[in-house]
PDB file of N, CA and C in Angstrom:
ATOM      1  N   MET A   1      42.909 128.508 117.576  1.00  0.00           N
ATOM      2  CA  MET A   1      43.334 127.388 116.943  1.00  0.00           C
ATOM      3  C   MET A   1      44.381 126.563 117.786  1.00  0.00           C
ATOM      4  N   PRO A   2      44.381 125.360 118.113  1.00  0.00           N
ATOM      5  CA  PRO A   2      45.232 124.684 118.831  1.00  0.00           C
ATOM      6  C   PRO A   2      46.610 124.558 118.174  1.00  0.00           C
ATOM      7  N   ASP A   3      47.684 124.695 119.104  1.00  0.00           N
ATOM      8  CA  ASP A   3      49.042 124.538 118.558  1.00  0.00           C
ATOM      9  C   ASP A   3      49.311 123.131 118.037  1.00  0.00           C
ATOM     10  N   ILE A   4      50.122 123.148 116.896  1.00  0.00           N
ATOM     11  CA  ILE A   4      50.365 121.884 116.196  1.00  0.00           C
ATOM     12  C   ILE A   4      51.667 121.359 116.821  1.00  0.00           C
ATOM     13  N   SER A   5      51.643 120.190 117.117  1.00  0.00           N
ATOM     14  CA  SER A   5      52.913 119.600 117.732  1.00  0.00           C
ATOM     15  C   SER A   5      54.135 119.687 117.016  1.00  0.00           C
ATOM     16  N   PRO A   6      55.320 119.923 117.491  1.00  0.00           N
ATOM     17  CA  PRO A   6      56.386 120.038 116.743  1.00  0.00           C
ATOM     18  C   PRO A   6      56.857 118.938 115.932  1.00  0.00           C
ATOM     19  N   GLU A   7      56.431 117.646 116.279  1.00  0.00           N
ATOM     20  CA  GLU A   7      56.737 116.620 115.386  1.00  0.00           C
ATOM     21  C   GLU A   7      56.008 116.672 114.141  1.00  0.00           C
ATOM     22  N   VAL A   8      54.639 117.192 114.209  1.00  0.00           N
ATOM     23  CA  VAL A   8      53.917 117.192 113.052  1.00  0.00           C
ATOM     24  C   VAL A   8      54.477 118.294 112.076  1.00  0.00           C
ATOM     25  N   MET A   9      54.865 119.447 112.651  1.00  0.00           N
ATOM     26  CA  MET A   9      55.469 120.412 111.932  1.00  0.00           C
ATOM     27  C   MET A   9      56.725 120.065 111.284  1.00  0.00           C
ATOM     28  N   LYS A  10      57.571 119.373 112.033  1.00  0.00           N
ATOM     29  CA  LYS A  10      58.839 118.700 111.362  1.00  0.00           C
ATOM     30  C   LYS A  10      58.673 117.883 110.175  1.00  0.00           C
ATOM     31  N   THR A  11      57.622 117.058 110.439  1.00  0.00           N
ATOM     32  CA  THR A  11      57.161 116.101 109.222  1.00  0.00           C
ATOM     33  C   THR A  11      56.846 116.831 108.143  1.00  0.00           C
ATOM     34  N   ILE A  12      55.918 117.911 108.195  1.00  0.00           N
ATOM     35  CA  ILE A  12      55.521 118.782 107.128  1.00  0.00           C
ATOM     36  C   ILE A  12      56.666 119.421 106.334  1.00  0.00           C
ATOM     37  N   GLU A  13      57.332 120.130 107.394  1.00  0.00           N
ATOM     38  CA  GLU A  13      58.630 121.120 106.865  1.00  0.00           C
ATOM     39  C   GLU A  13      59.654 120.179 106.168  1.00  0.00           C
ATOM     40  N   TRP A  14      60.001 119.002 106.826  1.00  0.00           N
ATOM     41  CA  TRP A  14      61.299 118.362 106.373  1.00  0.00           C
ATOM     42  C   TRP A  14      60.885 117.047 105.558  1.00  0.00           C
ATOM     43  N   GLY A  15      59.536 116.636 105.494  1.00  0.00           N
ATOM     44  CA  GLY A  15      59.233 115.465 104.798  1.00  0.00           C
ATOM     45  C   GLY A  15      58.324 115.844 103.503  1.00  0.00           C
ATOM     46  N   ILE A  16      57.144 116.380 103.777  1.00  0.00           N
ATOM     47  CA  ILE A  16      56.152 116.677 102.822  1.00  0.00           C
ATOM     48  C   ILE A  16      56.610 117.715 101.810  1.00  0.00           C
ATOM     49  N   VAL A  17      56.773 118.925 102.437  1.00  0.00           N
ATOM     50  CA  VAL A  17      57.188 120.112 101.552  1.00  0.00           C
ATOM     51  C   VAL A  17      58.368 119.886 100.642  1.00  0.00           C
ATOM     52  N   PRO A  18      59.576 119.239 101.041  1.00  0.00           N
ATOM     53  CA  PRO A  18      60.672 118.952 100.214  1.00  0.00           C
ATOM     54  C   PRO A  18      60.259 118.011  99.044  1.00  0.00           C
ATOM     55  N   LEU A  19      59.400 116.910  99.474  1.00  0.00           N
ATOM     56  CA  LEU A  19      59.001 116.007  98.424  1.00  0.00           C
ATOM     57  C   LEU A  19      58.141 116.704  97.261  1.00  0.00           C
ATOM     58  N   ILE A  20      57.283 117.593  97.774  1.00  0.00           N
ATOM     59  CA  ILE A  20      56.352 118.297  96.729  1.00  0.00           C
ATOM     60  C   ILE A  20      57.356 119.067  95.900  1.00  0.00           C
ATOM     61  N   LEU A  21      58.299 119.845  96.493  1.00  0.00           N
ATOM     62  CA  LEU A  21      59.227 120.685  95.763  1.00  0.00           C
ATOM     63  C   LEU A  21      60.094 119.843  94.785  1.00  0.00           C
ATOM     64  N   VAL A  22      60.560 118.665  95.169  1.00  0.00           N
ATOM     65  CA  VAL A  22      61.221 117.739  94.327  1.00  0.00           C
ATOM     66  C   VAL A  22      60.501 117.355  93.112  1.00  0.00           C
ATOM     67  N   GLY A  23      59.174 116.974  93.534  1.00  0.00           N
ATOM     68  CA  GLY A  23      58.213 116.522  92.317  1.00  0.00           C
ATOM     69  C   GLY A  23      57.999 117.572  91.366  1.00  0.00           C
ATOM     70  N   ILE A  24      57.839 118.737  91.954  1.00  0.00           N
ATOM     71  CA  ILE A  24      57.535 119.895  90.805  1.00  0.00           C
ATOM     72  C   ILE A  24      58.863 120.286  90.109  1.00  0.00           C
ATOM     73  N   LEU A  25      60.006 120.167  90.768  1.00  0.00           N
ATOM     74  CA  LEU A  25      61.226 120.252  89.933  1.00  0.00           C
ATOM     75  C   LEU A  25      61.366 119.217  89.082  1.00  0.00           C
ATOM     76  N   ALA A  26      61.203 118.006  89.416  1.00  0.00           N
ATOM     77  CA  ALA A  26      61.420 116.788  88.534  1.00  0.00           C
ATOM     78  C   ALA A  26      60.378 116.937  87.303  1.00  0.00           C
ATOM     79  N   HIS A  27      59.239 117.475  87.423  1.00  0.00           N
ATOM     80  CA  HIS A  27      58.191 117.705  86.377  1.00  0.00           C
ATOM     81  C   HIS A  27      58.752 118.811  85.336  1.00  0.00           C
ATOM     82  N   PHE A  28      59.266 119.720  85.839  1.00  0.00           N
ATOM     83  CA  PHE A  28      59.838 120.858  85.051  1.00  0.00           C
ATOM     84  C   PHE A  28      61.156 120.500  84.240  1.00  0.00           C
ATOM     85  N   LEU A  29      61.939 119.728  85.024  1.00  0.00           N
ATOM     86  CA  LEU A  29      63.200 119.482  84.469  1.00  0.00           C
ATOM     87  C   LEU A  29      63.113 118.415  83.273  1.00  0.00           C
ATOM     88  N   ILE A  30      62.045 117.598  83.454  1.00  0.00           N
ATOM     89  CA  ILE A  30      61.844 116.525  82.449  1.00  0.00           C
ATOM     90  C   ILE A  30      60.939 116.976  81.347  1.00  0.00           C
ATOM     91  N   ASN A  31      59.867 117.647  81.616  1.00  0.00           N
ATOM     92  CA  ASN A  31      58.968 118.059  80.484  1.00  0.00           C
ATOM     93  C   ASN A  31      59.103 119.393  79.890  1.00  0.00           C
ATOM     94  N   ILE A  32      59.863 120.309  80.385  1.00  0.00           N
ATOM     95  CA  ILE A  32      59.810 121.616  80.037  1.00  0.00           C
ATOM     96  C   ILE A  32      61.261 122.044  79.619  1.00  0.00           C
ATOM     97  N   PRO A  33      61.514 122.604  78.482  1.00  0.00           N
ATOM     98  CA  PRO A  33      60.920 122.875  77.208  1.00  0.00           C
ATOM     99  C   PRO A  33      60.967 121.591  76.474  1.00  0.00           C
ATOM    100  N   ASP A  34      60.285 121.538  75.254  1.00  0.00           N
ATOM    101  CA  ASP A  34      60.319 120.559  74.293  1.00  0.00           C
ATOM    102  C   ASP A  34      61.695 120.525  73.574  1.00  0.00           C
ATOM    103  N   LYS A  35      61.993 119.471  72.914  1.00  0.00           N
ATOM    104  CA  LYS A  35      63.328 119.293  72.224  1.00  0.00           C
ATOM    105  C   LYS A  35      63.370 120.307  71.139  1.00  0.00           C
ATOM    106  N   ASN A  36      62.168 120.584  70.452  1.00  0.00           N
ATOM    107  CA  ASN A  36      62.218 121.396  69.284  1.00  0.00           C
ATOM    108  C   ASN A  36      62.033 122.960  69.590  1.00  0.00           C
ATOM    109  N   ALA A  37      62.032 123.285  70.858  1.00  0.00           N
ATOM    110  CA  ALA A  37      61.983 124.686  71.339  1.00  0.00           C
ATOM    111  C   ALA A  37      63.105 125.597  70.816  1.00  0.00           C
ATOM    112  N   PRO A  38      62.822 126.910  70.504  1.00  0.00           N
ATOM    113  CA  PRO A  38      63.836 127.833  70.082  1.00  0.00           C
ATOM    114  C   PRO A  38      64.959 127.929  71.339  1.00  0.00           C
ATOM    115  N   ASP A  39      66.048 128.280  70.895  1.00  0.00           N
ATOM    116  CA  ASP A  39      67.208 128.502  71.842  1.00  0.00           C
ATOM    117  C   ASP A  39      66.920 129.454  72.821  1.00  0.00           C
ATOM    118  N   ALA A  40      66.208 130.545  72.537  1.00  0.00           N
ATOM    119  CA  ALA A  40      65.873 131.546  73.612  1.00  0.00           C
ATOM    120  C   ALA A  40      64.880 130.972  74.703  1.00  0.00           C
ATOM    121  N   ILE A  41      64.159 130.067  74.230  1.00  0.00           N
ATOM    122  CA  ILE A  41      63.034 129.421  75.254  1.00  0.00           C
ATOM    123  C   ILE A  41      63.902 128.513  76.106  1.00  0.00           C
ATOM    124  N   LYS A  42      64.868 127.706  75.592  1.00  0.00           N
ATOM    125  CA  LYS A  42      65.615 126.757  76.320  1.00  0.00           C
ATOM    126  C   LYS A  42      66.539 127.592  77.395  1.00  0.00           C
ATOM    127  N   ARG A  43      67.017 128.686  76.875  1.00  0.00           N
ATOM    128  CA  ARG A  43      67.811 129.499  77.925  1.00  0.00           C
ATOM    129  C   ARG A  43      67.160 130.043  79.043  1.00  0.00           C
ATOM    130  N   SER A  44      65.890 130.438  78.574  1.00  0.00           N
ATOM    131  CA  SER A  44      64.983 130.952  79.732  1.00  0.00           C
ATOM    132  C   SER A  44      64.607 129.938  80.700  1.00  0.00           C
ATOM    133  N   SER A  45      64.220 128.662  80.149  1.00  0.00           N
ATOM    134  CA  SER A  45      64.002 127.684  80.991  1.00  0.00           C
ATOM    135  C   SER A  45      64.968 127.395  81.877  1.00  0.00           C
ATOM    136  N   PHE A  46      66.261 127.280  81.363  1.00  0.00           N
ATOM    137  CA  PHE A  46      67.409 126.905  82.165  1.00  0.00           C
ATOM    138  C   PHE A  46      67.531 127.977  83.503  1.00  0.00           C
ATOM    139  N   SER A  47      67.351 129.261  83.130  1.00  0.00           N
ATOM    140  CA  SER A  47      67.462 130.199  84.086  1.00  0.00           C
ATOM    141  C   SER A  47      66.426 130.053  85.028  1.00  0.00           C
ATOM    142  N   GLY A  48      65.133 129.741  84.688  1.00  0.00           N
ATOM    143  CA  GLY A  48      64.137 129.516  85.590  1.00  0.00           C
ATOM    144  C   GLY A  48      64.447 128.305  86.652  1.00  0.00           C
ATOM    145  N   LYS A  49      64.981 127.227  85.992  1.00  0.00           N
ATOM    146  CA  LYS A  49      65.366 126.097  86.867  1.00  0.00           C
ATOM    147  C   LYS A  49      66.420 126.284  87.765  1.00  0.00           C
ATOM    148  N   PHE A  50      67.415 127.275  87.394  1.00  0.00           N
ATOM    149  CA  PHE A  50      68.531 127.561  88.317  1.00  0.00           C
ATOM    150  C   PHE A  50      68.053 128.350  89.344  1.00  0.00           C
ATOM    151  N   ALA A  51      67.141 129.199  89.126  1.00  0.00           N
ATOM    152  CA  ALA A  51      66.524 130.226  90.077  1.00  0.00           C
ATOM    153  C   ALA A  51      65.765 129.264  91.082  1.00  0.00           C
ATOM    154  N   GLY A  52      65.143 128.140  90.542  1.00  0.00           N
ATOM    155  CA  GLY A  52      64.390 127.327  91.446  1.00  0.00           C
ATOM    156  C   GLY A  52      65.289 126.579  92.304  1.00  0.00           C
ATOM    157  N   PHE A  53      66.532 126.160  91.880  1.00  0.00           N
ATOM    158  CA  PHE A  53      67.546 125.598  92.814  1.00  0.00           C
ATOM    159  C   PHE A  53      67.924 126.593  93.870  1.00  0.00           C
ATOM    160  N   ILE A  54      68.100 127.793  93.510  1.00  0.00           N
ATOM    161  CA  ILE A  54      68.550 128.823  94.472  1.00  0.00           C
ATOM    162  C   ILE A  54      67.438 128.977  95.603  1.00  0.00           C
ATOM    163  N   ILE A  55      66.110 129.068  95.141  1.00  0.00           N
ATOM    164  CA  ILE A  55      64.942 129.301  96.151  1.00  0.00           C
ATOM    165  C   ILE A  55      64.907 127.997  96.944  1.00  0.00           C
ATOM    166  N   PHE A  56      65.078 126.836  96.429  1.00  0.00           N
ATOM    167  CA  PHE A  56      65.080 125.578  97.275  1.00  0.00           C
ATOM    168  C   PHE A  56      66.166 125.733  98.330  1.00  0.00           C
ATOM    169  N   ALA A  57      67.277 126.162  97.971  1.00  0.00           N
ATOM    170  CA  ALA A  57      68.433 126.120  98.896  1.00  0.00           C
ATOM    171  C   ALA A  57      68.077 127.343 100.050  1.00  0.00           C
ATOM    172  N   LEU A  58      67.573 128.465  99.621  1.00  0.00           N
ATOM    173  CA  LEU A  58      67.108 129.432 100.472  1.00  0.00           C
ATOM    174  C   LEU A  58      66.085 128.967 101.494  1.00  0.00           C
ATOM    175  N   PHE A  59      65.050 128.143 100.887  1.00  0.00           N
ATOM    176  CA  PHE A  59      64.051 127.552 101.784  1.00  0.00           C
ATOM    177  C   PHE A  59      64.626 126.663 102.903  1.00  0.00           C
ATOM    178  N   VAL A  60      65.509 125.724 102.422  1.00  0.00           N
ATOM    179  CA  VAL A  60      66.048 124.815 103.364  1.00  0.00           C
ATOM    180  C   VAL A  60      66.922 125.617 104.437  1.00  0.00           C
ATOM    181  N   LEU A  61      67.696 126.707 104.008  1.00  0.00           N
ATOM    182  CA  LEU A  61      68.442 127.596 104.891  1.00  0.00           C
ATOM    183  C   LEU A  61      67.416 128.228 105.904  1.00  0.00           C
ATOM    184  N   SER A  62      66.443 128.534 105.404  1.00  0.00           N
ATOM    185  CA  SER A  62      65.363 129.401 106.260  1.00  0.00           C
ATOM    186  C   SER A  62      64.727 128.523 107.374  1.00  0.00           C
ATOM    187  N   GLN A  63      64.734 127.247 107.268  1.00  0.00           N
ATOM    188  CA  GLN A  63      64.045 126.419 108.153  1.00  0.00           C
ATOM    189  C   GLN A  63      64.912 126.061 109.410  1.00  0.00           C
ATOM    190  N   ARG A  64      66.195 126.558 109.405  1.00  0.00           N
ATOM    191  CA  ARG A  64      67.123 126.191 110.585  1.00  0.00           C
ATOM    192  C   ARG A  64      66.864 127.225 111.643  1.00  0.00           C
ATOM    193  N   ASN A  65      66.649 126.642 112.850  1.00  0.00           N
ATOM    194  CA  ASN A  65      66.491 127.323 114.057  1.00  0.00           C
ATOM    195  C   ASN A  65      65.303 128.373 113.952  1.00  0.00           C
ATOM    196  N   ARG A  66      64.328 127.857 113.421  1.00  0.00           N
ATOM    197  CA  ARG A  66      62.990 128.534 113.187  1.00  0.00           C
ATOM    198  C   ARG A  66      62.088 128.305 114.206  1.00  0.00           C
ATOM    199  N   GLU A  67      61.499 129.228 114.747  1.00  0.00           N
ATOM    200  CA  GLU A  67      60.349 129.155 115.714  1.00  0.00           C
ATOM    201  C   GLU A  67      59.182 128.747 114.896  1.00  0.00           C
ATOM    202  N   LEU A  68      58.084 128.119 115.598  1.00  0.00           N
ATOM    203  CA  LEU A  68      56.897 127.632 114.808  1.00  0.00           C
ATOM    204  C   LEU A  68      55.925 128.822 114.981  1.00  0.00           C
ATOM    205  N   LEU A  69      56.224 130.060 114.762  1.00  0.00           N
ATOM    206  CA  LEU A  69      55.249 131.040 114.938  1.00  0.00           C
ATOM    207  C   LEU A  69      55.237 131.895 113.600  1.00  0.00           C
ATOM    208  N   PHE A  70      54.064 132.332 113.198  1.00  0.00           N
ATOM    209  CA  PHE A  70      53.852 133.217 112.010  1.00  0.00           C
ATOM    210  C   PHE A  70      54.404 134.601 112.282  1.00  0.00           C
ATOM    211  N   SER A  71      55.111 135.163 111.358  1.00  0.00           N
ATOM    212  CA  SER A  71      55.622 136.613 111.749  1.00  0.00           C
ATOM    213  C   SER A  71      55.744 137.276 110.414  1.00  0.00           C
ATOM    214  N   PHE A  72      55.620 138.638 110.414  1.00  0.00           N
ATOM    215  CA  PHE A  72      55.835 139.431 109.185  1.00  0.00           C
ATOM    216  C   PHE A  72      57.290 139.843 108.895  1.00  0.00           C
ATOM    217  N   ASP A  73      57.996 139.492 109.972  1.00  0.00           N
ATOM    218  CA  ASP A  73      59.396 139.906 109.734  1.00  0.00           C
ATOM    219  C   ASP A  73      60.128 139.199 108.620  1.00  0.00           C
ATOM    220  N   MET A  74      61.003 139.806 107.989  1.00  0.00           N
ATOM    221  CA  MET A  74      61.821 139.301 107.008  1.00  0.00           C
ATOM    222  C   MET A  74      62.760 138.186 107.683  1.00  0.00           C
ATOM    223  N   PRO A  75      63.014 137.031 107.018  1.00  0.00           N
ATOM    224  CA  PRO A  75      63.910 136.077 107.550  1.00  0.00           C
ATOM    225  C   PRO A  75      65.283 136.399 107.345  1.00  0.00           C
ATOM    226  N   VAL A  76      66.103 136.149 108.308  1.00  0.00           N
ATOM    227  CA  VAL A  76      67.605 136.507 108.309  1.00  0.00           C
ATOM    228  C   VAL A  76      68.173 135.200 107.957  1.00  0.00           C
ATOM    229  N   TYR A  77      69.041 135.177 106.895  1.00  0.00           N
ATOM    230  CA  TYR A  77      69.705 134.097 106.374  1.00  0.00           C
ATOM    231  C   TYR A  77      71.290 133.950 106.852  1.00  0.00           C
ATOM    232  N   GLU A  78      71.617 132.998 107.410  1.00  0.00           N
ATOM    233  CA  GLU A  78      72.992 132.802 107.760  1.00  0.00           C
ATOM    234  C   GLU A  78      73.685 132.249 106.501  1.00  0.00           C
ATOM    235  N   PHE A  79      74.825 132.661 106.217  1.00  0.00           N
ATOM    236  CA  PHE A  79      75.511 132.164 104.923  1.00  0.00           C
ATOM    237  C   PHE A  79      76.489 130.991 105.476  1.00  0.00           C
ATOM    238  N   ASP A  80      76.160 129.879 105.532  1.00  0.00           N
ATOM    239  CA  ASP A  80      76.939 128.846 105.777  1.00  0.00           C
ATOM    240  C   ASP A  80      77.431 128.228 104.555  1.00  0.00           C
ATOM    241  N   PHE A  81      78.638 128.438 104.170  1.00  0.00           N
ATOM    242  CA  PHE A  81      79.090 128.159 102.742  1.00  0.00           C
ATOM    243  C   PHE A  81      79.096 126.556 102.525  1.00  0.00           C
ATOM    244  N   LEU A  82      79.346 125.833 103.593  1.00  0.00           N
ATOM    245  CA  LEU A  82      79.319 124.471 103.446  1.00  0.00           C
ATOM    246  C   LEU A  82      77.870 124.001 103.018  1.00  0.00           C
ATOM    247  N   LEU A  83      76.769 124.540 103.748  1.00  0.00           N
ATOM    248  CA  LEU A  83      75.543 124.107 103.430  1.00  0.00           C
ATOM    249  C   LEU A  83      75.043 124.711 102.114  1.00  0.00           C
ATOM    250  N   ILE A  84      75.440 125.797 101.556  1.00  0.00           N
ATOM    251  CA  ILE A  84      75.090 126.313 100.416  1.00  0.00           C
ATOM    252  C   ILE A  84      75.715 125.631  99.320  1.00  0.00           C
ATOM    253  N   GLY A  85      77.089 125.231  99.570  1.00  0.00           N
ATOM    254  CA  GLY A  85      77.694 124.475  98.553  1.00  0.00           C
ATOM    255  C   GLY A  85      77.068 123.117  98.232  1.00  0.00           C
ATOM    256  N   GLY A  86      76.766 122.567  99.459  1.00  0.00           N
ATOM    257  CA  GLY A  86      76.030 121.252  99.404  1.00  0.00           C
ATOM    258  C   GLY A  86      74.742 121.291  98.586  1.00  0.00           C
ATOM    259  N   SER A  87      73.991 122.256  98.906  1.00  0.00           N
ATOM    260  CA  SER A  87      72.696 122.582  98.312  1.00  0.00           C
ATOM    261  C   SER A  87      72.782 122.617  96.722  1.00  0.00           C
ATOM    262  N   ILE A  88      74.047 123.420  96.295  1.00  0.00           N
ATOM    263  CA  ILE A  88      74.105 123.728  94.940  1.00  0.00           C
ATOM    264  C   ILE A  88      74.609 122.322  94.253  1.00  0.00           C
ATOM    265  N   VAL A  89      75.528 121.629  94.912  1.00  0.00           N
ATOM    266  CA  VAL A  89      75.929 120.286  94.351  1.00  0.00           C
ATOM    267  C   VAL A  89      74.701 119.471  94.136  1.00  0.00           C
ATOM    268  N   GLY A  90      73.988 119.327  95.301  1.00  0.00           N
ATOM    269  CA  GLY A  90      72.787 118.504  95.329  1.00  0.00           C
ATOM    270  C   GLY A  90      71.736 118.775  94.132  1.00  0.00           C
ATOM    271  N   GLY A  91      71.659 120.140  93.875  1.00  0.00           N
ATOM    272  CA  GLY A  91      70.664 120.534  92.871  1.00  0.00           C
ATOM    273  C   GLY A  91      71.209 120.065  91.470  1.00  0.00           C
ATOM    274  N   CYS A  92      72.500 120.345  91.418  1.00  0.00           N
ATOM    275  CA  CYS A  92      73.156 120.000  90.079  1.00  0.00           C
ATOM    276  C   CYS A  92      73.175 118.498  89.922  1.00  0.00           C
ATOM    277  N   ILE A  93      73.201 117.804  90.941  1.00  0.00           N
ATOM    278  CA  ILE A  93      73.117 116.122  90.761  1.00  0.00           C
ATOM    279  C   ILE A  93      71.636 115.863  90.319  1.00  0.00           C
ATOM    280  N   PHE A  94      70.653 116.455  90.991  1.00  0.00           N
ATOM    281  CA  PHE A  94      69.320 116.227  90.557  1.00  0.00           C
ATOM    282  C   PHE A  94      69.065 116.587  89.173  1.00  0.00           C
ATOM    283  N   ALA A  95      69.666 117.650  88.647  1.00  0.00           N
ATOM    284  CA  ALA A  95      69.558 118.079  87.416  1.00  0.00           C
ATOM    285  C   ALA A  95      70.204 117.184  86.382  1.00  0.00           C
ATOM    286  N   TRP A  96      71.419 116.505  86.886  1.00  0.00           N
ATOM    287  CA  TRP A  96      71.976 115.645  86.013  1.00  0.00           C
ATOM    288  C   TRP A  96      71.092 114.386  85.912  1.00  0.00           C
ATOM    289  N   ILE A  97      70.617 113.920  86.928  1.00  0.00           N
ATOM    290  CA  ILE A  97      69.833 112.632  86.873  1.00  0.00           C
ATOM    291  C   ILE A  97      68.610 112.678  86.186  1.00  0.00           C
ATOM    292  N   PHE A  98      67.921 113.877  86.202  1.00  0.00           N
ATOM    293  CA  PHE A  98      66.726 114.231  85.470  1.00  0.00           C
ATOM    294  C   PHE A  98      66.993 114.343  83.987  1.00  0.00           C
ATOM    295  N   LYS A  99      68.243 115.003  83.738  1.00  0.00           N
ATOM    296  CA  LYS A  99      68.496 115.006  82.249  1.00  0.00           C
ATOM    297  C   LYS A  99      68.818 113.725  81.716  1.00  0.00           C
ATOM    298  N   LEU A 100      69.527 112.773  82.527  1.00  0.00           N
ATOM    299  CA  LEU A 100      69.716 111.353  82.063  1.00  0.00           C
ATOM    300  C   LEU A 100      68.367 110.840  81.793  1.00  0.00           C
ATOM    301  N   ILE A 101      67.499 110.872  82.708  1.00  0.00           N
ATOM    302  CA  ILE A 101      66.183 110.274  82.517  1.00  0.00           C
ATOM    303  C   ILE A 101      65.504 110.790  81.250  1.00  0.00           C
ATOM    304  N   LYS A 102      65.490 112.031  81.008  1.00  0.00           N
ATOM    305  CA  LYS A 102      64.873 112.778  79.893  1.00  0.00           C
ATOM    306  C   LYS A 102      65.498 112.246  78.656  1.00  0.00           C
ATOM    307  N   THR A 103      66.779 112.055  78.518  1.00  0.00           N
ATOM    308  CA  THR A 103      67.407 111.623  77.361  1.00  0.00           C
ATOM    309  C   THR A 103      67.144 110.073  76.999  1.00  0.00           C
ATOM    310  N   LYS A 104      66.957 109.324  78.074  1.00  0.00           N
ATOM    311  CA  LYS A 104      66.552 107.956  77.868  1.00  0.00           C
ATOM    312  C   LYS A 104      65.055 107.687  77.581  1.00  0.00           C
ATOM    313  N   LYS A 105      64.273 108.656  77.958  1.00  0.00           N
ATOM    314  CA  LYS A 105      62.855 108.731  77.604  1.00  0.00           C
ATOM    315  C   LYS A 105      62.448 108.824  76.287  1.00  0.00           C
TER     316      LYS A 105
END
């Protein structure tokens, strides 16, 4: 299989994949759960959304300084507190925006 150019990989990793993840996140934040759902379901849904934010932040962190080769090795994450804090703030802002959209809907 021929190598994929780094520009194409960067476009996929930093353009298409984040757009897909944000779209999925928007769908779940707006449509799940219903307003009439029991509190346990709402709590569970909130926990899943928060876990999604954490996974998204870890995905973004894992893409830094990454070679374009497949490997069975576990990724090593550097804990850059500024980047993690920014990811958390960005996730909370997205949640707040989608909550506003949901209440207006």
